[in-house]
Amino acid sequence: MNQSYLQSKIKSYGTAYLCWFFLGCHYAYLGKWGYQILYWITLGGLGIWMLIDLFHIPTKINNYNLKLTSQFPR
């Protein structure tokens, strides 16, 4: 992996929040399609899951980016 590839794969908070607010597709943005389908079927856990995700999106993005950067040799 090179530096430009890594930068193209890093996810941003803004995009994740836009996906969450407009389409509810923030799990798909992170590549978690199983969670995404379940999220849509349950309508965001009838709003409860949606409210929890409002506060957990930064953690999910940080974990994704940390996992991605740990694969990059220094």
N, C-alpha and C. Protein backbone atom coordinates (compact mmCIF):
# COMPACT_ATOMS: atom_id res chain seq x y z
N MET A 1 0.85 -1.19 0.00
CA MET A 1 0.00 0.00 0.00
C MET A 1 0.89 1.24 0.00
N ASN A 2 0.52 2.21 -0.77
CA ASN A 2 1.26 3.46 -0.73
C ASN A 2 0.42 4.55 -0.06
N GLN A 3 1.04 5.69 0.14
CA GLN A 3 0.42 6.78 0.88
C GLN A 3 -0.87 7.28 0.23
N SER A 4 -0.89 7.41 -1.08
CA SER A 4 -2.10 7.93 -1.75
C SER A 4 -3.26 6.94 -1.65
N TYR A 5 -2.96 5.64 -1.70
CA TYR A 5 -4.02 4.64 -1.53
C TYR A 5 -4.62 4.74 -0.13
N LEU A 6 -3.74 4.88 0.87
CA LEU A 6 -4.21 4.98 2.25
C LEU A 6 -5.09 6.22 2.43
N GLN A 7 -4.68 7.34 1.89
CA GLN A 7 -5.47 8.56 2.02
C GLN A 7 -6.81 8.46 1.31
N SER A 8 -6.87 7.69 0.24
CA SER A 8 -8.14 7.54 -0.47
C SER A 8 -9.13 6.65 0.29
N LYS A 9 -8.63 5.81 1.19
CA LYS A 9 -9.49 4.90 1.94
C LYS A 9 -9.92 5.44 3.30
N ILE A 10 -9.28 6.50 3.78
CA ILE A 10 -9.62 7.05 5.10
C ILE A 10 -11.01 7.69 5.03
N LYS A 11 -11.81 7.43 6.03
CA LYS A 11 -13.19 7.94 6.09
C LYS A 11 -13.25 9.22 6.91
N SER A 12 -14.23 10.07 6.60
CA SER A 12 -14.36 11.35 7.31
C SER A 12 -15.66 11.38 8.11
N TYR A 13 -15.62 12.19 9.17
CA TYR A 13 -16.80 12.35 10.02
C TYR A 13 -17.94 13.01 9.25
N GLY A 14 -17.62 14.04 8.50
CA GLY A 14 -18.65 14.79 7.78
C GLY A 14 -19.43 13.92 6.82
N THR A 15 -18.73 13.12 6.04
CA THR A 15 -19.41 12.24 5.10
C THR A 15 -20.26 11.21 5.83
N ALA A 16 -19.73 10.68 6.93
CA ALA A 16 -20.48 9.68 7.71
C ALA A 16 -21.76 10.29 8.28
N TYR A 17 -21.67 11.52 8.80
CA TYR A 17 -22.87 12.17 9.33
C TYR A 17 -23.87 12.50 8.22
N LEU A 18 -23.39 12.89 7.05
CA LEU A 18 -24.30 13.13 5.93
C LEU A 18 -25.00 11.84 5.52
N CYS A 19 -24.26 10.76 5.46
CA CYS A 19 -24.86 9.45 5.13
C CYS A 19 -25.90 9.07 6.19
N TRP A 20 -25.57 9.30 7.45
CA TRP A 20 -26.48 8.97 8.55
C TRP A 20 -27.76 9.81 8.47
N PHE A 21 -27.62 11.10 8.23
CA PHE A 21 -28.76 12.00 8.27
C PHE A 21 -29.68 11.84 7.07
N PHE A 22 -29.12 11.75 5.87
CA PHE A 22 -29.96 11.74 4.67
C PHE A 22 -30.45 10.36 4.25
N LEU A 23 -29.61 9.36 4.33
CA LEU A 23 -30.00 8.05 3.83
C LEU A 23 -29.94 6.93 4.87
N GLY A 24 -29.34 7.21 6.00
CA GLY A 24 -29.14 6.16 6.99
C GLY A 24 -28.20 5.09 6.48
N CYS A 25 -27.21 5.48 5.69
CA CYS A 25 -26.32 4.49 5.08
C CYS A 25 -24.89 4.59 5.61
N HIS A 26 -24.74 5.00 6.85
CA HIS A 26 -23.40 5.18 7.41
C HIS A 26 -22.67 3.86 7.62
N TYR A 27 -23.40 2.77 7.85
CA TYR A 27 -22.73 1.46 7.97
C TYR A 27 -22.22 0.99 6.61
N ALA A 28 -22.96 1.27 5.56
CA ALA A 28 -22.50 0.93 4.21
C ALA A 28 -21.25 1.74 3.88
N TYR A 29 -21.20 2.98 4.32
CA TYR A 29 -20.02 3.83 4.11
C TYR A 29 -18.78 3.20 4.73
N LEU A 30 -18.96 2.49 5.84
CA LEU A 30 -17.84 1.82 6.51
C LEU A 30 -17.64 0.39 6.03
N GLY A 31 -18.47 -0.06 5.08
CA GLY A 31 -18.33 -1.39 4.52
C GLY A 31 -18.98 -2.48 5.35
N LYS A 32 -19.87 -2.12 6.26
CA LYS A 32 -20.55 -3.10 7.12
C LYS A 32 -21.98 -3.31 6.61
N TRP A 33 -22.09 -4.07 5.54
CA TRP A 33 -23.38 -4.24 4.86
C TRP A 33 -24.39 -5.03 5.67
N GLY A 34 -23.94 -5.97 6.48
CA GLY A 34 -24.88 -6.72 7.32
C GLY A 34 -25.59 -5.82 8.31
N TYR A 35 -24.82 -4.98 8.98
CA TYR A 35 -25.42 -4.00 9.90
C TYR A 35 -26.31 -3.03 9.15
N GLN A 36 -25.89 -2.65 7.96
CA GLN A 36 -26.67 -1.67 7.19
C GLN A 36 -28.05 -2.21 6.83
N ILE A 37 -28.11 -3.43 6.36
CA ILE A 37 -29.40 -4.02 6.00
C ILE A 37 -30.29 -4.17 7.23
N LEU A 38 -29.69 -4.60 8.34
CA LEU A 38 -30.45 -4.72 9.58
C LEU A 38 -30.95 -3.35 10.05
N TYR A 39 -30.12 -2.34 9.90
CA TYR A 39 -30.49 -0.97 10.27
C TYR A 39 -31.70 -0.50 9.47
N TRP A 40 -31.69 -0.78 8.17
CA TRP A 40 -32.81 -0.37 7.32
C TRP A 40 -34.06 -1.17 7.64
N ILE A 41 -33.93 -2.47 7.84
CA ILE A 41 -35.10 -3.32 8.12
C ILE A 41 -35.79 -2.88 9.41
N THR A 42 -35.00 -2.53 10.43
CA THR A 42 -35.58 -2.14 11.73
C THR A 42 -35.87 -0.65 11.82
N LEU A 43 -35.67 0.06 10.70
CA LEU A 43 -35.87 1.52 10.66
C LEU A 43 -35.02 2.21 11.73
N GLY A 44 -33.77 1.82 11.75
CA GLY A 44 -32.85 2.42 12.72
C GLY A 44 -33.18 2.02 14.15
N GLY A 45 -33.61 0.77 14.31
CA GLY A 45 -33.99 0.31 15.64
C GLY A 45 -35.13 1.12 16.21
N LEU A 46 -36.07 1.47 15.32
CA LEU A 46 -37.23 2.32 15.66
C LEU A 46 -36.78 3.65 16.27
N GLY A 47 -35.65 4.14 15.79
CA GLY A 47 -35.16 5.44 16.23
C GLY A 47 -34.15 5.38 17.36
N ILE A 48 -34.18 4.30 18.13
CA ILE A 48 -33.25 4.19 19.27
C ILE A 48 -31.83 3.98 18.77
N TRP A 49 -31.66 3.03 17.85
CA TRP A 49 -30.35 2.74 17.27
C TRP A 49 -29.83 3.99 16.55
N MET A 50 -30.74 4.69 15.90
CA MET A 50 -30.37 5.90 15.16
C MET A 50 -29.84 6.98 16.11
N LEU A 51 -30.49 7.14 17.24
CA LEU A 51 -30.06 8.13 18.23
C LEU A 51 -28.71 7.74 18.84
N ILE A 52 -28.51 6.49 19.13
CA ILE A 52 -27.24 6.01 19.67
C ILE A 52 -26.12 6.24 18.66
N ASP A 53 -26.39 5.96 17.40
CA ASP A 53 -25.38 6.15 16.36
C ASP A 53 -24.98 7.61 16.21
N LEU A 54 -25.88 8.52 16.51
CA LEU A 54 -25.56 9.94 16.44
C LEU A 54 -24.31 10.26 17.25
N PHE A 55 -24.17 9.62 18.40
CA PHE A 55 -23.04 9.87 19.28
C PHE A 55 -21.87 8.91 19.06
N HIS A 56 -22.12 7.77 18.42
CA HIS A 56 -21.08 6.77 18.23
C HIS A 56 -20.39 6.83 16.87
N ILE A 57 -20.85 7.65 15.97
CA ILE A 57 -20.22 7.73 14.64
C ILE A 57 -18.74 8.12 14.73
N PRO A 58 -18.35 9.10 15.54
CA PRO A 58 -16.91 9.41 15.61
C PRO A 58 -16.06 8.21 16.05
N THR A 59 -16.55 7.44 16.99
CA THR A 59 -15.82 6.26 17.46
C THR A 59 -15.71 5.23 16.35
N LYS A 60 -16.80 5.03 15.62
CA LYS A 60 -16.78 4.07 14.52
C LYS A 60 -15.80 4.49 13.43
N ILE A 61 -15.76 5.78 13.12
CA ILE A 61 -14.84 6.30 12.11
C ILE A 61 -13.39 6.16 12.60
N ASN A 62 -13.14 6.52 13.86
CA ASN A 62 -11.79 6.38 14.40
C ASN A 62 -11.32 4.93 14.38
N ASN A 63 -12.18 4.01 14.76
CA ASN A 63 -11.81 2.59 14.76
C ASN A 63 -11.51 2.10 13.34
N TYR A 64 -12.32 2.51 12.39
CA TYR A 64 -12.09 2.11 11.00
C TYR A 64 -10.76 2.65 10.51
N ASN A 65 -10.50 3.94 10.74
CA ASN A 65 -9.26 4.55 10.27
C ASN A 65 -8.04 3.98 10.99
N LEU A 66 -8.17 3.69 12.27
CA LEU A 66 -7.06 3.09 13.02
C LEU A 66 -6.73 1.70 12.49
N LYS A 67 -7.76 0.92 12.22
CA LYS A 67 -7.55 -0.42 11.65
C LYS A 67 -6.88 -0.32 10.28
N LEU A 68 -7.30 0.65 9.50
CA LEU A 68 -6.73 0.84 8.17
C LEU A 68 -5.26 1.26 8.24
N THR A 69 -4.96 2.21 9.11
CA THR A 69 -3.58 2.70 9.20
C THR A 69 -2.65 1.69 9.86
N SER A 70 -3.19 0.79 10.67
CA SER A 70 -2.33 -0.22 11.28
C SER A 70 -1.86 -1.24 10.25
N GLN A 71 -2.55 -1.34 9.13
CA GLN A 71 -2.14 -2.24 8.05
C GLN A 71 -1.05 -1.62 7.19
N PHE A 72 -0.83 -0.32 7.35
CA PHE A 72 0.14 0.40 6.52
C PHE A 72 1.52 0.33 7.18
N PRO A 73 2.50 -0.27 6.51
CA PRO A 73 3.84 -0.34 7.12
C PRO A 73 4.50 1.02 7.14
N ARG A 74 5.14 1.33 8.23
CA ARG A 74 5.80 2.65 8.36
C ARG A 74 7.20 2.62 7.87
